[in-house]
Structure formats: C-alpha cells, structure tokens
Amino acid sequence: MLLADVAASLAASPGHRGALVKWVDGWAQRSGLTAAVARRRAARRESAVDPDIPCCLIVAVEPARDGSGEIVVRPWLNTVPGHWDPQPGEPATTTLDGLGEAVERALQQGARLWSAPDAPDRTGREQPAYVEFVLPYDLLNHDVAGLRFRIGHGRPLPLGLKYGVHLRSLERMRTDDAVVRQQWRDRWHSLRRHGVTVHGWTGADAQRLDAWQTALAGEAGRTAVVLDAPADTPALEALKAAIAEGISLAIWDRRGAFIEERREVVTAVFASVPIAAQIPMAIHRLRKKAVDPAQSPDLLGRHIAFFWDDPTRLVDIHTDDGDPADEEALA
C-alpha cells in the first residue's frame, strides 16, 4: 500500500495519480490507517531535498567466477531527484558482452519511472541522470561509459554521451568493516567540505606501494587519487589501497600509463568547478566533447575512468549465493 502511495506521487498522468490516491485512501479507511497514511505523506513532503542526489540507475555487476564467463547484473533505480530511495529491479544473468543490453533494459524502465525531466544543476546547466556501476576490482577498468544503448530505432550511442557514468567499488559497498566505512565517510566529508587534494602517483610508486599507502593513510586531507590504469598489478594494488583508505574520487586513463600531458586535463577539470559536487558534470562534459566525430580518438575524454563513490548513497548489495532469480529481496 505504501508503495502504491509513493507511485501516486510520481504518476505523470493526473488520472492515474487520482486513481492510485483513491485506492490508497479507500484501503487506509477500511484498515483504520487513514491517520498513519496522512503522517507518511506529510513526512515525505517535509523531508529535506538534497540537490546533489540525482535520478540514478545503479548497476551492480558480479562475475560468476565458475569458468562460464557469466555475470550477474543487479539494477536499482532512484527515481526521485533530491531523495535517496533506490528500488531494486530484476537481476539478470548475462556476459560482459551482454552488459550493454542489460543496462539498456534498465534504462527503459527508468525512463518510465523517473519523476521529472533533466533538471538544472547548481550552475543552471541541464543535469543528466547518472548510471553508476558497482564493480569488483578486476572490472573497474572495463569501458562502461562506452557501452552502447539504443533509443528507438536509432543507431546505438555510447552511454557516456547521454548519462553521467561513474564507477563504484563492489567490495567496499558490501563490506561490514567498520573502520573501512568510517574512513570512507571521513574522506568524503573532507572532499565535500574542502575540495580536491590529490595524492599523486608516479611510475616509481609501483616499486614502493607500502610507502605510497602509508603516505596516503597519514594525510587525511588527501581526497582524490590520479593513477595509471588498474590493468596491471601495481596500479590495481594502489587503487585497492586507496579504496581501503576511504578515497571516493579516483581518475585514470584506461589505456595504461597516465602521462603528464593528460593529467593536466584532469587538473583543469578539477579547477573548472567551484565545489566537488560539480565534478561529475565536468567529467560528463569532457566525455561529450570527446565523442564528437570531428575530434581526435585519442582525446582523454574517450578513455577517462571516473570513480565517484558516495558513502551516503548506498544500495543493499548483500545477497545469497544461490540463483539470483530466486532471491526474494530482488523479486
């Protein structure tokens, strides 16, 4: 009944909205819960709106790791901007090659449920919905922003052209380690309050990972890392260490070593926005410019990986080990 009441508030058609409200009111009256429903409605109206919470599709991807090459894809949709209340969708079993189609299906559902069209961000620019991929360490370098999706009968387009595409950590989302979670919240708070301070990475750091993590652990004010692609062992171990230390913002060039010329682009992106909350939109604009056919295919915007892992926007990713289709929580 409560879900129907929420659905009524999101219905695009006045007739549909009225029918749902009438049904909920009738049910509440028969059950003696009219006052309780009224209190719920008042609480929803009065709850604080956070302008940094978008309409969002969260896609958790977990490999079967049984030699089959299959992955389990679990989607959640946050349909009301300003409020975080992601609702689980149907899980699907596919392969990495089929991930784009699974995302496309979830986006079609989102388009029906999202309560409003793209709204301006703090700068007045139109803000797209986010698509956030919650991935295990070994998939974080996968080109999810380049996944193709189709609108109607048009040609397939890269996901990053229309949506803000972010990476998140499956292992950290799932952890029950209180220290890891506290460090995550603390670094995020520092990022939001004080902005970006990068913990650097050079080729020489690959030979001294312990010292690199120790330096990061001792500098609570470091809020971001800019790395080489985590496709080789040293960079991947560095990213794992950064995640363990609470880092929520990481950027790398998926092609491999992050050369200085391209790092300067990232520095310019950070400098282009007055607050950290606007970084996702700055990355989105960088990607949109880069996919222009007139632009060089070597532009960083086509290859940038953007890790943006907000500890205040979680999904319940703890699941059973059985068949995902049988998981009651996601039915």
C-alpha atoms as a PDB file:
ATOM      1  CA  MET A   1       0.000   0.000   0.000  1.00  0.00           C
ATOM      2  CA  LEU A   2       2.832   2.415   0.857  1.00  0.00           C
ATOM      3  CA  LEU A   3       4.470   1.689  -2.495  1.00  0.00           C
ATOM      4  CA  ALA A   4       1.212   2.482  -4.254  1.00  0.00           C
ATOM      5  CA  ASP A   5       1.030   5.789  -2.379  1.00  0.00           C
ATOM      6  CA  VAL A   6       4.572   6.685  -3.446  1.00  0.00           C
ATOM      7  CA  ALA A   7       3.728   5.650  -7.019  1.00  0.00           C
ATOM      8  CA  ALA A   8       0.760   8.020  -6.918  1.00  0.00           C
ATOM      9  CA  SER A   9       3.042  10.944  -6.120  1.00  0.00           C
ATOM     10  CA  LEU A  10       5.224  10.054  -9.112  1.00  0.00           C
ATOM     11  CA  ALA A  11       2.470   9.395 -11.651  1.00  0.00           C
ATOM     12  CA  ALA A  12       2.734  11.610 -14.717  1.00  0.00           C
ATOM     13  CA  SER A  13      -0.980  11.451 -15.543  1.00  0.00           C
ATOM     14  CA  PRO A  14      -3.441  13.247 -13.217  1.00  0.00           C
ATOM     15  CA  GLY A  15      -5.976  10.498 -13.896  1.00  0.00           C
ATOM     16  CA  HIS A  16      -3.530   7.773 -12.945  1.00  0.00           C
ATOM     17  CA  ARG A  17      -2.458   9.725  -9.864  1.00  0.00           C
ATOM     18  CA  GLY A  18      -6.046  10.268  -8.763  1.00  0.00           C
ATOM     19  CA  ALA A  19      -6.951   6.605  -9.198  1.00  0.00           C
ATOM     20  CA  LEU A  20      -3.992   5.485  -7.087  1.00  0.00           C
ATOM     21  CA  VAL A  21      -4.707   8.034  -4.354  1.00  0.00           C
ATOM     22  CA  LYS A  22      -8.359   6.949  -4.270  1.00  0.00           C
ATOM     23  CA  TRP A  23      -7.348   3.290  -3.947  1.00  0.00           C
ATOM     24  CA  VAL A  24      -4.856   4.040  -1.147  1.00  0.00           C
ATOM     25  CA  ASP A  25      -7.354   6.217   0.718  1.00  0.00           C
ATOM     26  CA  GLY A  26     -10.009   3.515   0.485  1.00  0.00           C
ATOM     27  CA  TRP A  27      -7.650   0.816   1.697  1.00  0.00           C
ATOM     28  CA  ALA A  28      -6.455   3.024   4.579  1.00  0.00           C
ATOM     29  CA  GLN A  29     -10.015   3.826   5.632  1.00  0.00           C
ATOM     30  CA  ARG A  30     -11.044   0.171   5.654  1.00  0.00           C
ATOM     31  CA  SER A  31      -7.944  -0.724   7.677  1.00  0.00           C
ATOM     32  CA  GLY A  32      -8.193   2.129  10.142  1.00  0.00           C
ATOM     33  CA  LEU A  33      -4.904   3.612   8.934  1.00  0.00           C
ATOM     34  CA  THR A  34      -6.049   6.927   7.483  1.00  0.00           C
ATOM     35  CA  ALA A  35      -4.097   8.961  10.050  1.00  0.00           C
ATOM     36  CA  ALA A  36      -0.947   6.878   9.545  1.00  0.00           C
ATOM     37  CA  VAL A  37      -1.066   7.382   5.773  1.00  0.00           C
ATOM     38  CA  ALA A  38      -1.541  11.120   6.285  1.00  0.00           C
ATOM     39  CA  ARG A  39       1.533  11.220   8.531  1.00  0.00           C
ATOM     40  CA  ARG A  40       3.590   9.362   5.929  1.00  0.00           C
ATOM     41  CA  ARG A  41       2.551  11.809   3.226  1.00  0.00           C
ATOM     42  CA  ALA A  42       3.425  14.770   5.429  1.00  0.00           C
ATOM     43  CA  ALA A  43       6.827  13.283   6.247  1.00  0.00           C
ATOM     44  CA  ARG A  44       7.604  12.821   2.544  1.00  0.00           C
ATOM     45  CA  ARG A  45       6.702  16.438   1.830  1.00  0.00           C
ATOM     46  CA  GLU A  46       8.783  17.749   4.715  1.00  0.00           C
ATOM     47  CA  SER A  47      11.864  15.611   4.202  1.00  0.00           C
ATOM     48  CA  ALA A  48      14.910  17.620   3.176  1.00  0.00           C
ATOM     49  CA  VAL A  49      15.741  17.733  -0.508  1.00  0.00           C
ATOM     50  CA  ASP A  50      19.422  17.235  -1.389  1.00  0.00           C
ATOM     51  CA  PRO A  51      20.135  18.872  -4.772  1.00  0.00           C
ATOM     52  CA  ASP A  52      23.119  16.578  -5.288  1.00  0.00           C
ATOM     53  CA  ILE A  53      21.008  13.399  -5.317  1.00  0.00           C
ATOM     54  CA  PRO A  54      20.039  12.631  -8.920  1.00  0.00           C
ATOM     55  CA  CYS A  55      17.757  10.301 -10.742  1.00  0.00           C
ATOM     56  CA  CYS A  56      20.065   7.338 -10.938  1.00  0.00           C
ATOM     57  CA  LEU A  57      20.452   3.792 -12.205  1.00  0.00           C
ATOM     58  CA  ILE A  58      22.816   1.728 -10.077  1.00  0.00           C
ATOM     59  CA  VAL A  59      24.163  -1.399 -11.760  1.00  0.00           C
ATOM     60  CA  ALA A  60      25.989  -3.963  -9.626  1.00  0.00           C
ATOM     61  CA  VAL A  61      27.975  -6.457 -11.682  1.00  0.00           C
ATOM     62  CA  GLU A  62      29.386  -9.657 -10.233  1.00  0.00           C
ATOM     63  CA  PRO A  63      31.187 -12.349 -12.238  1.00  0.00           C
ATOM     64  CA  ALA A  64      30.071 -15.933 -11.624  1.00  0.00           C
ATOM     65  CA  ARG A  65      33.758 -16.974 -11.350  1.00  0.00           C
ATOM     66  CA  ASP A  66      32.902 -20.532 -12.270  1.00  0.00           C
ATOM     67  CA  GLY A  67      34.605 -20.524 -15.648  1.00  0.00           C
ATOM     68  CA  SER A  68      31.353 -19.823 -17.503  1.00  0.00           C
ATOM     69  CA  GLY A  69      32.140 -16.178 -18.292  1.00  0.00           C
ATOM     70  CA  GLU A  70      28.728 -15.195 -16.949  1.00  0.00           C
ATOM     71  CA  ILE A  71      27.986 -12.160 -14.813  1.00  0.00           C
ATOM     72  CA  VAL A  72      25.044 -11.347 -12.563  1.00  0.00           C
ATOM     73  CA  VAL A  73      23.660  -7.845 -13.128  1.00  0.00           C
ATOM     74  CA  ARG A  74      21.565  -6.299 -10.346  1.00  0.00           C
ATOM     75  CA  PRO A  75      19.929  -2.913 -11.011  1.00  0.00           C
ATOM     76  CA  TRP A  76      18.446  -0.334  -8.662  1.00  0.00           C
ATOM     77  CA  LEU A  77      16.542   2.784  -9.703  1.00  0.00           C
ATOM     78  CA  ASN A  78      16.450   6.011  -7.733  1.00  0.00           C
ATOM     79  CA  THR A  79      13.528   7.742  -9.388  1.00  0.00           C
ATOM     80  CA  VAL A  80      13.072  10.968  -7.399  1.00  0.00           C
ATOM     81  CA  PRO A  81      15.839  13.591  -7.572  1.00  0.00           C
ATOM     82  CA  GLY A  82      16.695  15.094  -4.214  1.00  0.00           C
ATOM     83  CA  HIS A  83      15.861  11.933  -2.262  1.00  0.00           C
ATOM     84  CA  TRP A  84      17.782   8.647  -1.998  1.00  0.00           C
ATOM     85  CA  ASP A  85      15.423   5.689  -2.059  1.00  0.00           C
ATOM     86  CA  PRO A  86      16.728   3.217  -4.675  1.00  0.00           C
ATOM     87  CA  GLN A  87      14.379   0.381  -5.545  1.00  0.00           C
ATOM     88  CA  PRO A  88      15.738  -2.984  -6.729  1.00  0.00           C
ATOM     89  CA  GLY A  89      14.923  -4.348 -10.152  1.00  0.00           C
ATOM     90  CA  GLU A  90      15.063  -7.845 -11.570  1.00  0.00           C
ATOM     91  CA  PRO A  91      18.565  -9.364 -11.612  1.00  0.00           C
ATOM     92  CA  ALA A  92      19.797 -10.828 -14.877  1.00  0.00           C
ATOM     93  CA  THR A  93      22.495 -13.308 -15.802  1.00  0.00           C
ATOM     94  CA  THR A  94      24.448 -12.442 -18.935  1.00  0.00           C
ATOM     95  CA  THR A  95      28.049 -11.933 -20.086  1.00  0.00           C
ATOM     96  CA  LEU A  96      30.206  -8.827 -20.265  1.00  0.00           C
ATOM     97  CA  ASP A  97      29.317  -8.603 -23.955  1.00  0.00           C
ATOM     98  CA  GLY A  98      25.649  -8.506 -22.949  1.00  0.00           C
ATOM     99  CA  LEU A  99      26.074  -5.893 -20.214  1.00  0.00           C
ATOM    100  CA  GLY A 100      25.058  -3.055 -22.528  1.00  0.00           C
ATOM    101  CA  GLU A 101      21.736  -4.721 -23.339  1.00  0.00           C
ATOM    102  CA  ALA A 102      21.020  -5.306 -19.639  1.00  0.00           C
ATOM    103  CA  VAL A 103      21.707  -1.637 -18.909  1.00  0.00           C
ATOM    104  CA  GLU A 104      19.513  -0.577 -21.828  1.00  0.00           C
ATOM    105  CA  ARG A 105      16.577  -2.562 -20.435  1.00  0.00           C
ATOM    106  CA  ALA A 106      17.018  -0.986 -17.008  1.00  0.00           C
ATOM    107  CA  LEU A 107      17.208   2.494 -18.545  1.00  0.00           C
ATOM    108  CA  GLN A 108      13.954   1.908 -20.388  1.00  0.00           C
ATOM    109  CA  GLN A 109      12.321   1.111 -17.062  1.00  0.00           C
ATOM    110  CA  GLY A 110      13.917   4.191 -15.523  1.00  0.00           C
ATOM    111  CA  ALA A 111      12.592   6.435 -18.282  1.00  0.00           C
ATOM    112  CA  ARG A 112       9.071   5.335 -17.361  1.00  0.00           C
ATOM    113  CA  LEU A 113       9.559   5.911 -13.624  1.00  0.00           C
ATOM    114  CA  TRP A 114      11.789   8.969 -13.300  1.00  0.00           C
ATOM    115  CA  SER A 115       9.569  11.683 -11.895  1.00  0.00           C
ATOM    116  CA  ALA A 116      10.897  14.671 -13.810  1.00  0.00           C
ATOM    117  CA  PRO A 117      12.963  15.517 -16.881  1.00  0.00           C
ATOM    118  CA  ASP A 118      16.591  16.503 -16.529  1.00  0.00           C
ATOM    119  CA  ALA A 119      16.808  19.380 -14.055  1.00  0.00           C
ATOM    120  CA  PRO A 120      19.438  22.152 -13.983  1.00  0.00           C
ATOM    121  CA  ASP A 121      22.366  21.634 -11.637  1.00  0.00           C
ATOM    122  CA  ARG A 122      23.758  24.316  -9.320  1.00  0.00           C
ATOM    123  CA  THR A 123      25.249  26.143 -12.329  1.00  0.00           C
ATOM    124  CA  GLY A 124      21.976  26.188 -14.251  1.00  0.00           C
ATOM    125  CA  ARG A 125      23.127  23.520 -16.720  1.00  0.00           C
ATOM    126  CA  GLU A 126      20.904  20.584 -17.529  1.00  0.00           C
ATOM    127  CA  GLN A 127      21.844  17.605 -15.373  1.00  0.00           C
ATOM    128  CA  PRO A 128      21.536  14.108 -16.828  1.00  0.00           C
ATOM    129  CA  ALA A 129      20.571  11.031 -14.893  1.00  0.00           C
ATOM    130  CA  TYR A 130      23.510   9.066 -13.514  1.00  0.00           C
ATOM    131  CA  VAL A 131      24.401   5.483 -14.329  1.00  0.00           C
ATOM    132  CA  GLU A 132      26.670   4.114 -11.621  1.00  0.00           C
ATOM    133  CA  PHE A 133      28.433   0.775 -11.992  1.00  0.00           C
ATOM    134  CA  VAL A 134      29.265  -1.055  -8.772  1.00  0.00           C
ATOM    135  CA  LEU A 135      32.106  -3.288  -9.931  1.00  0.00           C
ATOM    136  CA  PRO A 136      34.637  -5.709  -8.450  1.00  0.00           C
ATOM    137  CA  TYR A 137      38.266  -4.634  -8.549  1.00  0.00           C
ATOM    138  CA  ASP A 138      39.091  -6.631 -11.665  1.00  0.00           C
ATOM    139  CA  LEU A 139      36.339  -4.960 -13.719  1.00  0.00           C
ATOM    140  CA  LEU A 140      36.955  -1.343 -12.730  1.00  0.00           C
ATOM    141  CA  ASN A 141      38.941  -0.724 -15.925  1.00  0.00           C
ATOM    142  CA  HIS A 142      36.123  -2.001 -18.150  1.00  0.00           C
ATOM    143  CA  ASP A 143      34.842   0.678 -20.545  1.00  0.00           C
ATOM    144  CA  VAL A 144      31.340   1.090 -19.129  1.00  0.00           C
ATOM    145  CA  ALA A 145      30.996   4.674 -20.407  1.00  0.00           C
ATOM    146  CA  GLY A 146      31.500   3.280 -23.905  1.00  0.00           C
ATOM    147  CA  LEU A 147      28.720   0.683 -23.610  1.00  0.00           C
ATOM    148  CA  ARG A 148      26.204   1.126 -26.418  1.00  0.00           C
ATOM    149  CA  PHE A 149      22.495   1.697 -25.965  1.00  0.00           C
ATOM    150  CA  ARG A 150      19.781   2.394 -28.497  1.00  0.00           C
ATOM    151  CA  ILE A 151      16.962   4.953 -28.445  1.00  0.00           C
ATOM    152  CA  GLY A 152      14.033   3.818 -30.572  1.00  0.00           C
ATOM    153  CA  HIS A 153      15.231   2.714 -34.000  1.00  0.00           C
ATOM    154  CA  GLY A 154      18.276   4.976 -33.991  1.00  0.00           C
ATOM    155  CA  ARG A 155      21.883   3.888 -34.083  1.00  0.00           C
ATOM    156  CA  PRO A 156      23.494   2.706 -30.829  1.00  0.00           C
ATOM    157  CA  LEU A 157      25.125   5.510 -28.843  1.00  0.00           C
ATOM    158  CA  PRO A 158      27.827   5.465 -26.154  1.00  0.00           C
ATOM    159  CA  LEU A 159      26.332   5.538 -22.675  1.00  0.00           C
ATOM    160  CA  GLY A 160      28.537   8.439 -21.587  1.00  0.00           C
ATOM    161  CA  LEU A 161      27.001  10.724 -24.216  1.00  0.00           C
ATOM    162  CA  LYS A 162      23.606  10.871 -22.522  1.00  0.00           C
ATOM    163  CA  TYR A 163      24.300   9.885 -18.916  1.00  0.00           C
ATOM    164  CA  GLY A 164      26.765  10.683 -16.163  1.00  0.00           C
ATOM    165  CA  VAL A 165      28.659   7.388 -15.865  1.00  0.00           C
ATOM    166  CA  HIS A 166      30.528   6.624 -12.645  1.00  0.00           C
ATOM    167  CA  LEU A 167      32.434   3.708 -11.146  1.00  0.00           C
ATOM    168  CA  ARG A 168      31.919   2.416  -7.612  1.00  0.00           C
ATOM    169  CA  SER A 169      33.505  -0.373  -5.565  1.00  0.00           C
ATOM    170  CA  LEU A 170      31.574  -3.607  -5.093  1.00  0.00           C
ATOM    171  CA  GLU A 171      33.878  -4.817  -2.327  1.00  0.00           C
ATOM    172  CA  ARG A 172      33.553  -1.623  -0.305  1.00  0.00           C
ATOM    173  CA  MET A 173      29.799  -1.352  -0.868  1.00  0.00           C
ATOM    174  CA  ARG A 174      29.479  -4.854   0.566  1.00  0.00           C
ATOM    175  CA  THR A 175      31.945  -4.620   3.456  1.00  0.00           C
ATOM    176  CA  ASP A 176      30.902  -4.729   7.092  1.00  0.00           C
ATOM    177  CA  ASP A 177      34.336  -3.483   8.223  1.00  0.00           C
ATOM    178  CA  ALA A 178      33.521  -0.518  10.473  1.00  0.00           C
ATOM    179  CA  VAL A 179      36.970   1.052  10.029  1.00  0.00           C
ATOM    180  CA  VAL A 180      36.733   0.983   6.234  1.00  0.00           C
ATOM    181  CA  ARG A 181      33.264   2.517   6.322  1.00  0.00           C
ATOM    182  CA  GLN A 182      34.308   5.270   8.750  1.00  0.00           C
ATOM    183  CA  GLN A 183      37.353   6.202   6.672  1.00  0.00           C
ATOM    184  CA  TRP A 184      35.132   6.265   3.608  1.00  0.00           C
ATOM    185  CA  ARG A 185      32.711   8.705   5.264  1.00  0.00           C
ATOM    186  CA  ASP A 186      35.523  10.857   6.665  1.00  0.00           C
ATOM    187  CA  ARG A 187      37.303  11.295   3.316  1.00  0.00           C
ATOM    188  CA  TRP A 188      34.000  12.015   1.595  1.00  0.00           C
ATOM    189  CA  HIS A 189      33.161  14.676   4.162  1.00  0.00           C
ATOM    190  CA  SER A 190      36.585  16.240   3.635  1.00  0.00           C
ATOM    191  CA  LEU A 191      36.107  16.190  -0.147  1.00  0.00           C
ATOM    192  CA  ARG A 192      32.725  17.887   0.114  1.00  0.00           C
ATOM    193  CA  ARG A 193      33.918  20.446   2.645  1.00  0.00           C
ATOM    194  CA  HIS A 194      37.437  21.267   1.450  1.00  0.00           C
ATOM    195  CA  GLY A 195      37.547  20.148  -2.187  1.00  0.00           C
ATOM    196  CA  VAL A 196      40.037  18.083  -4.159  1.00  0.00           C
ATOM    197  CA  THR A 197      43.531  17.414  -2.873  1.00  0.00           C
ATOM    198  CA  VAL A 198      45.259  14.778  -4.989  1.00  0.00           C
ATOM    199  CA  HIS A 199      47.548  12.074  -3.643  1.00  0.00           C
ATOM    200  CA  GLY A 200      49.965  11.705  -6.525  1.00  0.00           C
ATOM    201  CA  TRP A 201      51.192   8.617  -8.320  1.00  0.00           C
ATOM    202  CA  THR A 202      54.288   8.179 -10.466  1.00  0.00           C
ATOM    203  CA  GLY A 203      55.884   5.236 -12.199  1.00  0.00           C
ATOM    204  CA  ALA A 204      58.355   4.948  -9.329  1.00  0.00           C
ATOM    205  CA  ASP A 205      55.495   4.381  -6.873  1.00  0.00           C
ATOM    206  CA  ALA A 206      54.889   0.987  -8.476  1.00  0.00           C
ATOM    207  CA  GLN A 207      58.051  -0.177  -6.703  1.00  0.00           C
ATOM    208  CA  ARG A 208      57.097   1.256  -3.294  1.00  0.00           C
ATOM    209  CA  LEU A 209      53.424   0.566  -2.753  1.00  0.00           C
ATOM    210  CA  ASP A 210      53.773   0.288   1.029  1.00  0.00           C
ATOM    211  CA  ALA A 211      55.263   3.769   1.244  1.00  0.00           C
ATOM    212  CA  TRP A 212      52.597   5.145  -1.101  1.00  0.00           C
ATOM    213  CA  GLN A 213      49.747   3.791   1.034  1.00  0.00           C
ATOM    214  CA  THR A 214      51.445   4.852   4.262  1.00  0.00           C
ATOM    215  CA  ALA A 215      51.702   8.416   2.977  1.00  0.00           C
ATOM    216  CA  LEU A 216      48.026   8.386   1.993  1.00  0.00           C
ATOM    217  CA  ALA A 217      46.964   6.937   5.346  1.00  0.00           C
ATOM    218  CA  GLY A 218      48.856   9.692   7.153  1.00  0.00           C
ATOM    219  CA  GLU A 219      47.240  12.512   5.161  1.00  0.00           C
ATOM    220  CA  ALA A 220      43.539  12.619   5.992  1.00  0.00           C
ATOM    221  CA  GLY A 221      43.167  15.722   3.838  1.00  0.00           C
ATOM    222  CA  ARG A 222      44.013  13.848   0.629  1.00  0.00           C
ATOM    223  CA  THR A 223      40.669  13.365  -1.081  1.00  0.00           C
ATOM    224  CA  ALA A 224      41.500  12.009  -4.560  1.00  0.00           C
ATOM    225  CA  VAL A 225      43.976   9.876  -6.462  1.00  0.00           C
ATOM    226  CA  VAL A 226      45.016  10.097 -10.108  1.00  0.00           C
ATOM    227  CA  LEU A 227      46.508   6.771 -11.186  1.00  0.00           C
ATOM    228  CA  ASP A 228      47.658   4.647 -14.058  1.00  0.00           C
ATOM    229  CA  ALA A 229      45.043   2.195 -15.305  1.00  0.00           C
ATOM    230  CA  PRO A 230      44.453  -0.618 -12.784  1.00  0.00           C
ATOM    231  CA  ALA A 231      45.075  -3.161 -15.513  1.00  0.00           C
ATOM    232  CA  ASP A 232      48.493  -4.075 -14.121  1.00  0.00           C
ATOM    233  CA  THR A 233      49.264  -5.283 -10.624  1.00  0.00           C
ATOM    234  CA  PRO A 234      50.921  -2.191  -9.076  1.00  0.00           C
ATOM    235  CA  ALA A 235      48.213   0.264 -10.166  1.00  0.00           C
ATOM    236  CA  LEU A 236      45.442  -2.146  -9.153  1.00  0.00           C
ATOM    237  CA  GLU A 237      47.023  -2.661  -5.737  1.00  0.00           C
ATOM    238  CA  ALA A 238      47.308   1.109  -5.355  1.00  0.00           C
ATOM    239  CA  LEU A 239      43.624   1.541  -6.195  1.00  0.00           C
ATOM    240  CA  LYS A 240      42.686  -1.152  -3.665  1.00  0.00           C
ATOM    241  CA  ALA A 241      44.771   0.646  -1.051  1.00  0.00           C
ATOM    242  CA  ALA A 242      43.138   3.980  -1.880  1.00  0.00           C
ATOM    243  CA  ILE A 243      39.670   2.445  -1.550  1.00  0.00           C
ATOM    244  CA  ALA A 244      40.618   0.891   1.794  1.00  0.00           C
ATOM    245  CA  GLU A 245      41.830   4.295   2.988  1.00  0.00           C
ATOM    246  CA  GLY A 246      38.474   5.870   2.151  1.00  0.00           C
ATOM    247  CA  ILE A 247      39.158   7.561  -1.193  1.00  0.00           C
ATOM    248  CA  SER A 248      35.911   8.249  -3.066  1.00  0.00           C
ATOM    249  CA  LEU A 249      37.322  10.105  -6.088  1.00  0.00           C
ATOM    250  CA  ALA A 250      39.800   8.474  -8.451  1.00  0.00           C
ATOM    251  CA  ILE A 251      40.607   9.099 -12.094  1.00  0.00           C
ATOM    252  CA  TRP A 252      42.773   7.197 -14.531  1.00  0.00           C
ATOM    253  CA  ASP A 253      43.413   6.749 -18.240  1.00  0.00           C
ATOM    254  CA  ARG A 254      42.092   3.289 -19.138  1.00  0.00           C
ATOM    255  CA  ARG A 255      44.781   2.882 -21.810  1.00  0.00           C
ATOM    256  CA  GLY A 256      47.589   2.450 -19.281  1.00  0.00           C
ATOM    257  CA  ALA A 257      50.148   4.953 -18.003  1.00  0.00           C
ATOM    258  CA  PHE A 258      48.628   8.353 -17.246  1.00  0.00           C
ATOM    259  CA  ILE A 259      51.094  10.665 -18.983  1.00  0.00           C
ATOM    260  CA  GLU A 260      51.644  14.170 -17.619  1.00  0.00           C
ATOM    261  CA  GLU A 261      50.034  15.938 -20.575  1.00  0.00           C
ATOM    262  CA  ARG A 262      46.750  14.118 -19.917  1.00  0.00           C
ATOM    263  CA  ARG A 263      46.990  14.620 -16.168  1.00  0.00           C
ATOM    264  CA  GLU A 264      46.949  18.352 -16.856  1.00  0.00           C
ATOM    265  CA  VAL A 265      43.491  17.900 -18.379  1.00  0.00           C
ATOM    266  CA  VAL A 266      42.286  16.398 -15.093  1.00  0.00           C
ATOM    267  CA  THR A 267      43.835  19.258 -13.136  1.00  0.00           C
ATOM    268  CA  ALA A 268      41.950  21.687 -15.380  1.00  0.00           C
ATOM    269  CA  VAL A 269      38.699  19.784 -14.827  1.00  0.00           C
ATOM    270  CA  PHE A 270      39.118  19.999 -11.051  1.00  0.00           C
ATOM    271  CA  ALA A 271      39.886  23.714 -11.314  1.00  0.00           C
ATOM    272  CA  SER A 272      36.858  24.382 -13.533  1.00  0.00           C
ATOM    273  CA  VAL A 273      34.284  23.785 -10.792  1.00  0.00           C
ATOM    274  CA  PRO A 274      33.909  25.661  -7.503  1.00  0.00           C
ATOM    275  CA  ILE A 275      32.692  22.682  -5.462  1.00  0.00           C
ATOM    276  CA  ALA A 276      33.353  18.951  -5.568  1.00  0.00           C
ATOM    277  CA  ALA A 277      29.684  18.135  -6.188  1.00  0.00           C
ATOM    278  CA  GLN A 278      30.049  19.560  -9.709  1.00  0.00           C
ATOM    279  CA  ILE A 279      32.915  17.257 -10.726  1.00  0.00           C
ATOM    280  CA  PRO A 280      30.598  14.566 -12.180  1.00  0.00           C
ATOM    281  CA  MET A 281      29.069  17.116 -14.560  1.00  0.00           C
ATOM    282  CA  ALA A 282      32.521  18.382 -15.557  1.00  0.00           C
ATOM    283  CA  ILE A 283      33.562  14.822 -16.436  1.00  0.00           C
ATOM    284  CA  HIS A 284      30.309  14.352 -18.357  1.00  0.00           C
ATOM    285  CA  ARG A 285      31.018  17.479 -20.428  1.00  0.00           C
ATOM    286  CA  LEU A 286      34.557  16.254 -21.119  1.00  0.00           C
ATOM    287  CA  ARG A 287      33.181  12.964 -22.421  1.00  0.00           C
ATOM    288  CA  LYS A 288      30.511  14.633 -24.562  1.00  0.00           C
ATOM    289  CA  LYS A 289      33.091  16.816 -26.295  1.00  0.00           C
ATOM    290  CA  ALA A 290      35.375  13.859 -26.934  1.00  0.00           C
ATOM    291  CA  VAL A 291      32.772  11.705 -28.720  1.00  0.00           C
ATOM    292  CA  ASP A 292      32.305  14.332 -31.432  1.00  0.00           C
ATOM    293  CA  PRO A 293      33.366  12.564 -34.672  1.00  0.00           C
ATOM    294  CA  ALA A 294      35.399  15.641 -35.591  1.00  0.00           C
ATOM    295  CA  GLN A 295      37.582  15.188 -32.509  1.00  0.00           C
ATOM    296  CA  SER A 296      40.669  13.013 -32.233  1.00  0.00           C
ATOM    297  CA  PRO A 297      40.005   9.470 -30.979  1.00  0.00           C
ATOM    298  CA  ASP A 298      42.995   9.940 -28.668  1.00  0.00           C
ATOM    299  CA  LEU A 299      41.297  12.583 -26.526  1.00  0.00           C
ATOM    300  CA  LEU A 300      41.280  11.720 -22.829  1.00  0.00           C
ATOM    301  CA  GLY A 301      37.501  12.150 -22.666  1.00  0.00           C
ATOM    302  CA  ARG A 302      37.083   8.933 -24.657  1.00  0.00           C
ATOM    303  CA  HIS A 303      39.244   6.930 -22.289  1.00  0.00           C
ATOM    304  CA  ILE A 304      38.875   8.520 -18.871  1.00  0.00           C
ATOM    305  CA  ALA A 305      37.715   6.327 -15.983  1.00  0.00           C
ATOM    306  CA  PHE A 306      35.816   8.208 -13.283  1.00  0.00           C
ATOM    307  CA  PHE A 307      35.465   6.618  -9.846  1.00  0.00           C
ATOM    308  CA  TRP A 308      32.916   8.545  -7.752  1.00  0.00           C
ATOM    309  CA  ASP A 309      31.813   6.501  -4.754  1.00  0.00           C
ATOM    310  CA  ASP A 310      29.440   8.368  -2.427  1.00  0.00           C
ATOM    311  CA  PRO A 311      29.097   6.651   1.003  1.00  0.00           C
ATOM    312  CA  THR A 312      25.777   8.420   1.631  1.00  0.00           C
ATOM    313  CA  ARG A 313      24.160   6.735  -1.382  1.00  0.00           C
ATOM    314  CA  LEU A 314      24.297   3.005  -0.721  1.00  0.00           C
ATOM    315  CA  VAL A 315      22.362   0.024  -2.008  1.00  0.00           C
ATOM    316  CA  ASP A 316      21.796  -3.244  -0.157  1.00  0.00           C
ATOM    317  CA  ILE A 317      24.162  -5.429  -2.096  1.00  0.00           C
ATOM    318  CA  HIS A 318      24.286  -8.340   0.377  1.00  0.00           C
ATOM    319  CA  THR A 319      22.755 -11.279  -1.467  1.00  0.00           C
ATOM    320  CA  ASP A 320      22.575 -15.037  -1.150  1.00  0.00           C
ATOM    321  CA  ASP A 321      24.903 -17.244  -3.125  1.00  0.00           C
ATOM    322  CA  GLY A 322      22.090 -19.039  -4.882  1.00  0.00           C
ATOM    323  CA  ASP A 323      20.321 -18.404  -8.141  1.00  0.00           C
ATOM    324  CA  PRO A 324      19.697 -14.639  -8.368  1.00  0.00           C
ATOM    325  CA  ALA A 325      16.313 -15.294  -9.891  1.00  0.00           C
ATOM    326  CA  ASP A 326      15.315 -16.926  -6.606  1.00  0.00           C
ATOM    327  CA  GLU A 327      16.404 -14.022  -4.429  1.00  0.00           C
ATOM    328  CA  GLU A 328      13.299 -12.798  -2.749  1.00  0.00           C
ATOM    329  CA  ALA A 329      14.735  -9.370  -1.960  1.00  0.00           C
ATOM    330  CA  LEU A 330      15.138  -8.597  -5.644  1.00  0.00           C
ATOM    331  CA  ALA A 331      11.951 -10.182  -6.936  1.00  0.00           C
END
